[in-house]
Amino acid sequence: MASSDYEHGDQRKPLIGITTYLEWSSYGVWHTEGPVLPRTYVDATLAAGGVPMLLPPVGTDFRRIVDGLDGLVLSGGADVDPARYGQQPHSRTSARPDRDEYEFGLLAAALRAELPVLGVCRGFEVLNVAYGGTLSQHLPDVLGHDRHQPAPATFATSEVTIEPGSGLASVLGTRTTGQCHHHQGIDVLGSGLTAVAHTSDGLIEAVERPGAGFVCGVQWHPEEDISDVRLFAALVAAAADYATGKGI
């Protein structure tokens, strides 16, 4: 994972797909269902030098979608269906199986193509489950506190320690501050992933896949701090290299 600058100039900027929510929303005189996403993801991608493309969770032509992208962001959102890791739902679990169907299919196609992938919050959890891991469905039951999700629509601030020598450390250093809003987290780490960051309560905050390519997931929301887009810039740099490898 490299954080080297990508000189745009006349070169083609990398196209970064970002998964979206499918929600009922209101605008003007309309109230209808549609794909939505917090603008912070778009702004962070743009600030990092990428071109954002929103991906609604519909359809199954994953290979065609991946063929058109240089990088992928799995965004935050509802809980992963616990049936995917062999558990019954907790009373506080709120899953969207239709979104799961789309994102797990898309991620599988992206990994086969060795597309650079960044998972954020839910996306981090999707990544872990895709690699055979499991989740703690309600962290207050495990940790004895709700500091990772203190209130609805409220971000918590977590101090994160990053493993020296990891790809993530090459981007962010060995300590960072993350904006968190989640009530679930990794229980059993997925096979093939390495835990590379933790909070003081022992919770895994970041994973990556060792070896070639960029596959990284973080439990916090880096898109919420537009003054620091280093992680998105690392994805964009990897996506630029990927596009070069495709001969684009």
C-alpha atoms as a PDB file:
ATOM      1  CA  MET A   1       0.000   0.000   0.000  1.00  0.00           C
ATOM      2  CA  ALA A   2       1.641   3.214  -1.149  1.00  0.00           C
ATOM      3  CA  SER A   3       0.720   6.827  -0.445  1.00  0.00           C
ATOM      4  CA  SER A   4       2.809   8.291  -3.272  1.00  0.00           C
ATOM      5  CA  ASP A   5       1.326  11.224  -5.137  1.00  0.00           C
ATOM      6  CA  TYR A   6      -0.411  10.654  -8.448  1.00  0.00           C
ATOM      7  CA  GLU A   7       0.455  13.341 -10.960  1.00  0.00           C
ATOM      8  CA  HIS A   8      -2.811  14.042 -12.724  1.00  0.00           C
ATOM      9  CA  GLY A   9      -1.965  16.617 -15.382  1.00  0.00           C
ATOM     10  CA  ASP A  10      -3.376  15.333 -18.638  1.00  0.00           C
ATOM     11  CA  GLN A  11      -3.532  11.770 -17.372  1.00  0.00           C
ATOM     12  CA  ARG A  12      -6.785   9.968 -16.813  1.00  0.00           C
ATOM     13  CA  LYS A  13      -7.911  10.293 -13.206  1.00  0.00           C
ATOM     14  CA  PRO A  14      -8.855   6.966 -11.610  1.00  0.00           C
ATOM     15  CA  LEU A  15     -12.549   6.089 -11.552  1.00  0.00           C
ATOM     16  CA  ILE A  16     -13.589   5.103  -8.020  1.00  0.00           C
ATOM     17  CA  GLY A  17     -16.867   3.264  -7.536  1.00  0.00           C
ATOM     18  CA  ILE A  18     -18.653   3.924  -4.221  1.00  0.00           C
ATOM     19  CA  THR A  19     -21.487   1.700  -3.045  1.00  0.00           C
ATOM     20  CA  THR A  20     -24.668   3.467  -1.986  1.00  0.00           C
ATOM     21  CA  TYR A  21     -27.729   3.040   0.196  1.00  0.00           C
ATOM     22  CA  LEU A  22     -31.161   2.433  -1.336  1.00  0.00           C
ATOM     23  CA  GLU A  23     -33.470   4.556   0.784  1.00  0.00           C
ATOM     24  CA  TRP A  24     -36.683   6.529   0.686  1.00  0.00           C
ATOM     25  CA  SER A  25     -35.775  10.191   0.431  1.00  0.00           C
ATOM     26  CA  SER A  26     -37.410  13.560  -0.150  1.00  0.00           C
ATOM     27  CA  TYR A  27     -36.363  16.326  -2.517  1.00  0.00           C
ATOM     28  CA  GLY A  28     -38.457  19.131  -3.975  1.00  0.00           C
ATOM     29  CA  VAL A  29     -42.020  17.838  -4.189  1.00  0.00           C
ATOM     30  CA  TRP A  30     -40.926  14.194  -4.418  1.00  0.00           C
ATOM     31  CA  HIS A  31     -40.702  11.393  -1.889  1.00  0.00           C
ATOM     32  CA  THR A  32     -39.360   8.262  -3.527  1.00  0.00           C
ATOM     33  CA  GLU A  33     -36.852   5.453  -3.196  1.00  0.00           C
ATOM     34  CA  GLY A  34     -33.437   5.973  -4.689  1.00  0.00           C
ATOM     35  CA  PRO A  35     -29.687   5.470  -4.256  1.00  0.00           C
ATOM     36  CA  VAL A  36     -28.239   7.895  -1.703  1.00  0.00           C
ATOM     37  CA  LEU A  37     -24.865   8.449  -0.068  1.00  0.00           C
ATOM     38  CA  PRO A  38     -23.397  11.022   2.330  1.00  0.00           C
ATOM     39  CA  ARG A  39     -21.603  13.633   0.252  1.00  0.00           C
ATOM     40  CA  THR A  40     -18.482  13.240   2.386  1.00  0.00           C
ATOM     41  CA  TYR A  41     -17.518  10.100   0.433  1.00  0.00           C
ATOM     42  CA  VAL A  42     -17.715  12.015  -2.835  1.00  0.00           C
ATOM     43  CA  ASP A  43     -15.801  15.003  -1.495  1.00  0.00           C
ATOM     44  CA  ALA A  44     -13.038  12.835  -0.034  1.00  0.00           C
ATOM     45  CA  THR A  45     -12.650  10.940  -3.318  1.00  0.00           C
ATOM     46  CA  LEU A  46     -12.493  14.175  -5.305  1.00  0.00           C
ATOM     47  CA  ALA A  47     -10.033  15.761  -2.872  1.00  0.00           C
ATOM     48  CA  ALA A  48      -7.818  12.681  -3.197  1.00  0.00           C
ATOM     49  CA  GLY A  49      -7.716  13.038  -6.989  1.00  0.00           C
ATOM     50  CA  GLY A  50     -10.239  10.383  -7.957  1.00  0.00           C
ATOM     51  CA  VAL A  51     -13.433  10.532  -9.990  1.00  0.00           C
ATOM     52  CA  PRO A  52     -16.361   9.207  -7.892  1.00  0.00           C
ATOM     53  CA  MET A  53     -19.031   6.977  -9.410  1.00  0.00           C
ATOM     54  CA  LEU A  54     -22.035   6.019  -7.298  1.00  0.00           C
ATOM     55  CA  LEU A  55     -23.046   2.365  -7.450  1.00  0.00           C
ATOM     56  CA  PRO A  56     -26.685   1.609  -6.554  1.00  0.00           C
ATOM     57  CA  PRO A  57     -27.256  -1.823  -4.966  1.00  0.00           C
ATOM     58  CA  VAL A  58     -29.192  -3.287  -7.906  1.00  0.00           C
ATOM     59  CA  GLY A  59     -28.333  -5.772 -10.632  1.00  0.00           C
ATOM     60  CA  THR A  60     -25.835  -8.606 -10.765  1.00  0.00           C
ATOM     61  CA  ASP A  61     -23.484  -7.752 -13.644  1.00  0.00           C
ATOM     62  CA  PHE A  62     -20.574  -7.423 -11.239  1.00  0.00           C
ATOM     63  CA  ARG A  63     -17.802  -8.300 -13.659  1.00  0.00           C
ATOM     64  CA  ARG A  64     -18.929  -5.581 -16.073  1.00  0.00           C
ATOM     65  CA  ILE A  65     -19.053  -3.029 -13.257  1.00  0.00           C
ATOM     66  CA  VAL A  66     -15.578  -3.969 -12.036  1.00  0.00           C
ATOM     67  CA  ASP A  67     -14.213  -3.835 -15.582  1.00  0.00           C
ATOM     68  CA  GLY A  68     -15.177  -0.158 -15.708  1.00  0.00           C
ATOM     69  CA  LEU A  69     -13.592   0.812 -12.384  1.00  0.00           C
ATOM     70  CA  ASP A  70     -10.074   1.513 -11.157  1.00  0.00           C
ATOM     71  CA  GLY A  71     -10.924   1.307  -7.441  1.00  0.00           C
ATOM     72  CA  LEU A  72     -13.816   0.524  -5.120  1.00  0.00           C
ATOM     73  CA  VAL A  73     -15.100   1.955  -1.827  1.00  0.00           C
ATOM     74  CA  LEU A  74     -17.516  -0.165   0.183  1.00  0.00           C
ATOM     75  CA  SER A  75     -19.370   2.494   2.149  1.00  0.00           C
ATOM     76  CA  GLY A  76     -21.017   2.427   5.572  1.00  0.00           C
ATOM     77  CA  GLY A  77     -24.613   1.553   6.337  1.00  0.00           C
ATOM     78  CA  ALA A  78     -26.822  -1.128   7.839  1.00  0.00           C
ATOM     79  CA  ASP A  79     -25.591  -4.305   9.525  1.00  0.00           C
ATOM     80  CA  VAL A  80     -24.488  -7.354   7.572  1.00  0.00           C
ATOM     81  CA  ASP A  81     -27.063 -10.164   7.705  1.00  0.00           C
ATOM     82  CA  PRO A  82     -25.723 -12.522  10.422  1.00  0.00           C
ATOM     83  CA  ALA A  83     -26.917 -15.508   8.380  1.00  0.00           C
ATOM     84  CA  ARG A  84     -23.848 -14.875   6.246  1.00  0.00           C
ATOM     85  CA  TYR A  85     -21.621 -15.879   9.142  1.00  0.00           C
ATOM     86  CA  GLY A  86     -23.852 -18.561  10.634  1.00  0.00           C
ATOM     87  CA  GLN A  87     -25.586 -16.644  13.436  1.00  0.00           C
ATOM     88  CA  GLN A  88     -29.115 -15.695  14.399  1.00  0.00           C
ATOM     89  CA  PRO A  89     -29.803 -11.942  14.505  1.00  0.00           C
ATOM     90  CA  HIS A  90     -29.367 -10.018  17.741  1.00  0.00           C
ATOM     91  CA  SER A  91     -32.356  -7.905  18.776  1.00  0.00           C
ATOM     92  CA  ARG A  92     -30.350  -4.783  17.858  1.00  0.00           C
ATOM     93  CA  THR A  93     -29.196  -6.038  14.450  1.00  0.00           C
ATOM     94  CA  SER A  94     -30.725  -4.235  11.480  1.00  0.00           C
ATOM     95  CA  ALA A  95     -29.753  -5.951   8.236  1.00  0.00           C
ATOM     96  CA  ARG A  96     -30.380  -5.281   4.550  1.00  0.00           C
ATOM     97  CA  PRO A  97     -30.052  -8.645   2.769  1.00  0.00           C
ATOM     98  CA  ASP A  98     -30.632  -7.047  -0.648  1.00  0.00           C
ATOM     99  CA  ARG A  99     -27.664  -4.725  -0.172  1.00  0.00           C
ATOM    100  CA  ASP A 100     -25.608  -7.650   1.112  1.00  0.00           C
ATOM    101  CA  GLU A 101     -26.403  -9.635  -2.018  1.00  0.00           C
ATOM    102  CA  TYR A 102     -25.115  -6.821  -4.205  1.00  0.00           C
ATOM    103  CA  GLU A 103     -22.026  -5.878  -2.215  1.00  0.00           C
ATOM    104  CA  PHE A 104     -20.768  -9.396  -1.553  1.00  0.00           C
ATOM    105  CA  GLY A 105     -21.143 -10.187  -5.252  1.00  0.00           C
ATOM    106  CA  LEU A 106     -19.411  -6.967  -6.236  1.00  0.00           C
ATOM    107  CA  LEU A 107     -16.590  -7.516  -3.758  1.00  0.00           C
ATOM    108  CA  ALA A 108     -16.004 -11.074  -4.992  1.00  0.00           C
ATOM    109  CA  ALA A 109     -15.678  -9.778  -8.559  1.00  0.00           C
ATOM    110  CA  ALA A 110     -13.385  -6.957  -7.409  1.00  0.00           C
ATOM    111  CA  LEU A 111     -11.091  -9.351  -5.536  1.00  0.00           C
ATOM    112  CA  ARG A 112     -10.893 -11.708  -8.519  1.00  0.00           C
ATOM    113  CA  ALA A 113      -9.862  -8.769 -10.689  1.00  0.00           C
ATOM    114  CA  GLU A 114      -7.397  -7.542  -8.013  1.00  0.00           C
ATOM    115  CA  LEU A 115      -9.178  -4.169  -8.000  1.00  0.00           C
ATOM    116  CA  PRO A 116      -8.028  -1.836  -5.189  1.00  0.00           C
ATOM    117  CA  VAL A 117     -10.655  -1.927  -2.420  1.00  0.00           C
ATOM    118  CA  LEU A 118     -11.269   0.271   0.620  1.00  0.00           C
ATOM    119  CA  GLY A 119     -13.961  -0.822   3.090  1.00  0.00           C
ATOM    120  CA  VAL A 120     -15.400   1.798   5.463  1.00  0.00           C
ATOM    121  CA  CYS A 121     -17.319   0.809   8.635  1.00  0.00           C
ATOM    122  CA  ARG A 122     -19.968  -1.563   7.209  1.00  0.00           C
ATOM    123  CA  GLY A 123     -17.593  -2.070   4.263  1.00  0.00           C
ATOM    124  CA  PHE A 124     -14.887  -3.133   6.710  1.00  0.00           C
ATOM    125  CA  GLU A 125     -17.319  -5.664   8.178  1.00  0.00           C
ATOM    126  CA  VAL A 126     -18.368  -6.883   4.706  1.00  0.00           C
ATOM    127  CA  LEU A 127     -14.705  -7.452   3.911  1.00  0.00           C
ATOM    128  CA  ASN A 128     -14.170  -9.505   7.075  1.00  0.00           C
ATOM    129  CA  VAL A 129     -17.247 -11.674   6.504  1.00  0.00           C
ATOM    130  CA  ALA A 130     -16.312 -12.173   2.837  1.00  0.00           C
ATOM    131  CA  TYR A 131     -13.026 -13.677   4.050  1.00  0.00           C
ATOM    132  CA  GLY A 132     -14.874 -16.075   6.367  1.00  0.00           C
ATOM    133  CA  GLY A 133     -14.800 -13.995   9.555  1.00  0.00           C
ATOM    134  CA  THR A 134     -17.591 -13.221  12.009  1.00  0.00           C
ATOM    135  CA  LEU A 135     -18.915 -10.143  13.787  1.00  0.00           C
ATOM    136  CA  SER A 136     -19.897  -9.210  17.316  1.00  0.00           C
ATOM    137  CA  GLN A 137     -23.459  -8.092  16.690  1.00  0.00           C
ATOM    138  CA  HIS A 138     -23.763  -5.614  19.570  1.00  0.00           C
ATOM    139  CA  LEU A 139     -20.521  -4.329  21.052  1.00  0.00           C
ATOM    140  CA  PRO A 140     -21.979  -2.976  24.325  1.00  0.00           C
ATOM    141  CA  ASP A 141     -22.721  -6.615  25.229  1.00  0.00           C
ATOM    142  CA  VAL A 142     -19.040  -7.461  24.718  1.00  0.00           C
ATOM    143  CA  LEU A 143     -17.211  -4.299  25.769  1.00  0.00           C
ATOM    144  CA  GLY A 144     -19.565  -3.048  28.469  1.00  0.00           C
ATOM    145  CA  HIS A 145     -19.821   0.451  26.972  1.00  0.00           C
ATOM    146  CA  ASP A 146     -21.337   2.268  23.983  1.00  0.00           C
ATOM    147  CA  ARG A 147     -18.469   4.646  23.262  1.00  0.00           C
ATOM    148  CA  HIS A 148     -18.198   3.529  19.627  1.00  0.00           C
ATOM    149  CA  GLN A 149     -21.792   4.652  18.973  1.00  0.00           C
ATOM    150  CA  PRO A 150     -22.776   7.060  21.740  1.00  0.00           C
ATOM    151  CA  ALA A 151     -26.077   8.278  20.239  1.00  0.00           C
ATOM    152  CA  PRO A 152     -28.042   8.286  16.976  1.00  0.00           C
ATOM    153  CA  ALA A 153     -26.397  10.386  14.245  1.00  0.00           C
ATOM    154  CA  THR A 154     -23.466  11.136  16.553  1.00  0.00           C
ATOM    155  CA  PHE A 155     -19.874  10.258  15.773  1.00  0.00           C
ATOM    156  CA  ALA A 156     -17.506   9.207  18.525  1.00  0.00           C
ATOM    157  CA  THR A 157     -13.785   9.980  18.440  1.00  0.00           C
ATOM    158  CA  SER A 158     -11.511   6.971  18.827  1.00  0.00           C
ATOM    159  CA  GLU A 159      -7.758   6.904  19.222  1.00  0.00           C
ATOM    160  CA  VAL A 160      -6.409   4.159  16.979  1.00  0.00           C
ATOM    161  CA  THR A 161      -3.016   2.459  17.267  1.00  0.00           C
ATOM    162  CA  ILE A 162      -1.656   1.099  13.993  1.00  0.00           C
ATOM    163  CA  GLU A 163       0.837  -1.742  13.675  1.00  0.00           C
ATOM    164  CA  PRO A 164       4.319  -0.524  12.662  1.00  0.00           C
ATOM    165  CA  GLY A 165       5.392  -1.911   9.315  1.00  0.00           C
ATOM    166  CA  SER A 166       1.840  -2.394   8.068  1.00  0.00           C
ATOM    167  CA  GLY A 167       0.610  -0.924   4.817  1.00  0.00           C
ATOM    168  CA  LEU A 168      -1.767   1.286   6.767  1.00  0.00           C
ATOM    169  CA  ALA A 169       1.092   2.631   8.888  1.00  0.00           C
ATOM    170  CA  SER A 170       2.898   3.641   5.696  1.00  0.00           C
ATOM    171  CA  VAL A 171      -0.080   5.901   4.970  1.00  0.00           C
ATOM    172  CA  LEU A 172      -1.200   7.163   8.385  1.00  0.00           C
ATOM    173  CA  GLY A 173       1.704   6.451  10.727  1.00  0.00           C
ATOM    174  CA  THR A 174       1.303   4.416  13.902  1.00  0.00           C
ATOM    175  CA  ARG A 175      -1.463   6.498  15.502  1.00  0.00           C
ATOM    176  CA  THR A 176      -4.547   8.219  14.177  1.00  0.00           C
ATOM    177  CA  THR A 177      -7.893   9.562  15.345  1.00  0.00           C
ATOM    178  CA  GLY A 178     -11.013   8.112  13.801  1.00  0.00           C
ATOM    179  CA  GLN A 179     -14.637   9.244  13.707  1.00  0.00           C
ATOM    180  CA  CYS A 180     -16.697   6.186  14.653  1.00  0.00           C
ATOM    181  CA  HIS A 181     -20.369   5.294  14.593  1.00  0.00           C
ATOM    182  CA  HIS A 182     -20.894   1.531  14.863  1.00  0.00           C
ATOM    183  CA  HIS A 183     -22.398  -0.964  17.283  1.00  0.00           C
ATOM    184  CA  GLN A 184     -20.834  -4.026  15.652  1.00  0.00           C
ATOM    185  CA  GLY A 185     -17.244  -5.082  15.087  1.00  0.00           C
ATOM    186  CA  ILE A 186     -14.995  -7.987  14.235  1.00  0.00           C
ATOM    187  CA  ASP A 187     -15.212 -11.064  16.431  1.00  0.00           C
ATOM    188  CA  VAL A 188     -13.307 -13.737  14.450  1.00  0.00           C
ATOM    189  CA  LEU A 189     -10.880 -12.316  11.899  1.00  0.00           C
ATOM    190  CA  GLY A 190     -11.345 -13.494   8.328  1.00  0.00           C
ATOM    191  CA  SER A 191      -8.770 -15.935   6.957  1.00  0.00           C
ATOM    192  CA  GLY A 192      -6.248 -14.133   4.756  1.00  0.00           C
ATOM    193  CA  LEU A 193      -6.707 -10.780   6.475  1.00  0.00           C
ATOM    194  CA  THR A 194      -4.347  -9.204   9.002  1.00  0.00           C
ATOM    195  CA  ALA A 195      -5.522  -6.984  11.854  1.00  0.00           C
ATOM    196  CA  VAL A 196      -3.367  -3.859  11.665  1.00  0.00           C
ATOM    197  CA  ALA A 197      -5.042  -1.392  14.054  1.00  0.00           C
ATOM    198  CA  HIS A 198      -6.831  -1.470  17.413  1.00  0.00           C
ATOM    199  CA  THR A 199      -8.465   0.847  19.923  1.00  0.00           C
ATOM    200  CA  SER A 200      -7.522   0.806  23.605  1.00  0.00           C
ATOM    201  CA  ASP A 201     -10.419  -1.561  24.405  1.00  0.00           C
ATOM    202  CA  GLY A 202      -8.909  -4.171  22.084  1.00  0.00           C
ATOM    203  CA  LEU A 203     -11.344  -3.766  19.197  1.00  0.00           C
ATOM    204  CA  ILE A 204      -9.910  -4.372  15.735  1.00  0.00           C
ATOM    205  CA  GLU A 205     -10.123  -1.077  13.841  1.00  0.00           C
ATOM    206  CA  ALA A 206      -8.404  -1.926  10.543  1.00  0.00           C
ATOM    207  CA  VAL A 207      -7.551  -4.947   8.421  1.00  0.00           C
ATOM    208  CA  GLU A 208      -5.584  -5.444   5.263  1.00  0.00           C
ATOM    209  CA  ARG A 209      -4.701  -8.283   2.939  1.00  0.00           C
ATOM    210  CA  PRO A 210      -0.949  -8.862   2.854  1.00  0.00           C
ATOM    211  CA  GLY A 211       0.748  -9.167  -0.490  1.00  0.00           C
ATOM    212  CA  ALA A 212       0.210  -7.496  -3.819  1.00  0.00           C
ATOM    213  CA  GLY A 213      -2.579  -5.006  -4.332  1.00  0.00           C
ATOM    214  CA  PHE A 214      -4.583  -2.681  -2.088  1.00  0.00           C
ATOM    215  CA  VAL A 215      -7.259  -4.328   0.041  1.00  0.00           C
ATOM    216  CA  CYS A 216      -7.907  -2.427   3.266  1.00  0.00           C
ATOM    217  CA  GLY A 217     -10.815  -1.947   5.641  1.00  0.00           C
ATOM    218  CA  VAL A 218     -11.218   0.522   8.497  1.00  0.00           C
ATOM    219  CA  GLN A 219     -13.945   0.540  11.132  1.00  0.00           C
ATOM    220  CA  TRP A 220     -13.919   4.334  11.419  1.00  0.00           C
ATOM    221  CA  HIS A 221     -15.116   6.934   8.879  1.00  0.00           C
ATOM    222  CA  PRO A 222     -12.111   8.609   7.209  1.00  0.00           C
ATOM    223  CA  GLU A 223     -14.418  10.450   4.806  1.00  0.00           C
ATOM    224  CA  GLU A 224     -15.704  12.549   7.698  1.00  0.00           C
ATOM    225  CA  ASP A 225     -12.404  14.475   7.962  1.00  0.00           C
ATOM    226  CA  ILE A 226     -11.972  16.232   4.621  1.00  0.00           C
ATOM    227  CA  SER A 227      -8.791  17.883   5.935  1.00  0.00           C
ATOM    228  CA  ASP A 228      -7.077  14.487   5.952  1.00  0.00           C
ATOM    229  CA  VAL A 229      -7.725  12.359   2.855  1.00  0.00           C
ATOM    230  CA  ARG A 230      -4.516  10.321   3.061  1.00  0.00           C
ATOM    231  CA  LEU A 231      -6.345   7.006   3.090  1.00  0.00           C
ATOM    232  CA  PHE A 232      -8.458   7.936   0.090  1.00  0.00           C
ATOM    233  CA  ALA A 233      -5.318   9.248  -1.608  1.00  0.00           C
ATOM    234  CA  ALA A 234      -3.651   5.868  -1.047  1.00  0.00           C
ATOM    235  CA  LEU A 235      -6.636   4.173  -2.691  1.00  0.00           C
ATOM    236  CA  VAL A 236      -6.529   6.615  -5.604  1.00  0.00           C
ATOM    237  CA  ALA A 237      -2.773   6.053  -6.041  1.00  0.00           C
ATOM    238  CA  ALA A 238      -3.331   2.286  -6.092  1.00  0.00           C
ATOM    239  CA  ALA A 239      -6.197   2.787  -8.542  1.00  0.00           C
ATOM    240  CA  ALA A 240      -3.935   4.862 -10.803  1.00  0.00           C
ATOM    241  CA  ASP A 241      -1.390   2.034 -10.835  1.00  0.00           C
ATOM    242  CA  TYR A 242      -4.186  -0.435 -11.538  1.00  0.00           C
ATOM    243  CA  ALA A 243      -5.404   1.659 -14.476  1.00  0.00           C
ATOM    244  CA  THR A 244      -1.853   1.829 -15.845  1.00  0.00           C
ATOM    245  CA  GLY A 245      -1.649  -1.958 -15.618  1.00  0.00           C
ATOM    246  CA  LYS A 246      -4.831  -2.176 -17.701  1.00  0.00           C
ATOM    247  CA  GLY A 247      -3.136  -0.027 -20.333  1.00  0.00           C
ATOM    248  CA  ILE A 248      -5.465   2.912 -19.848  1.00  0.00           C
END
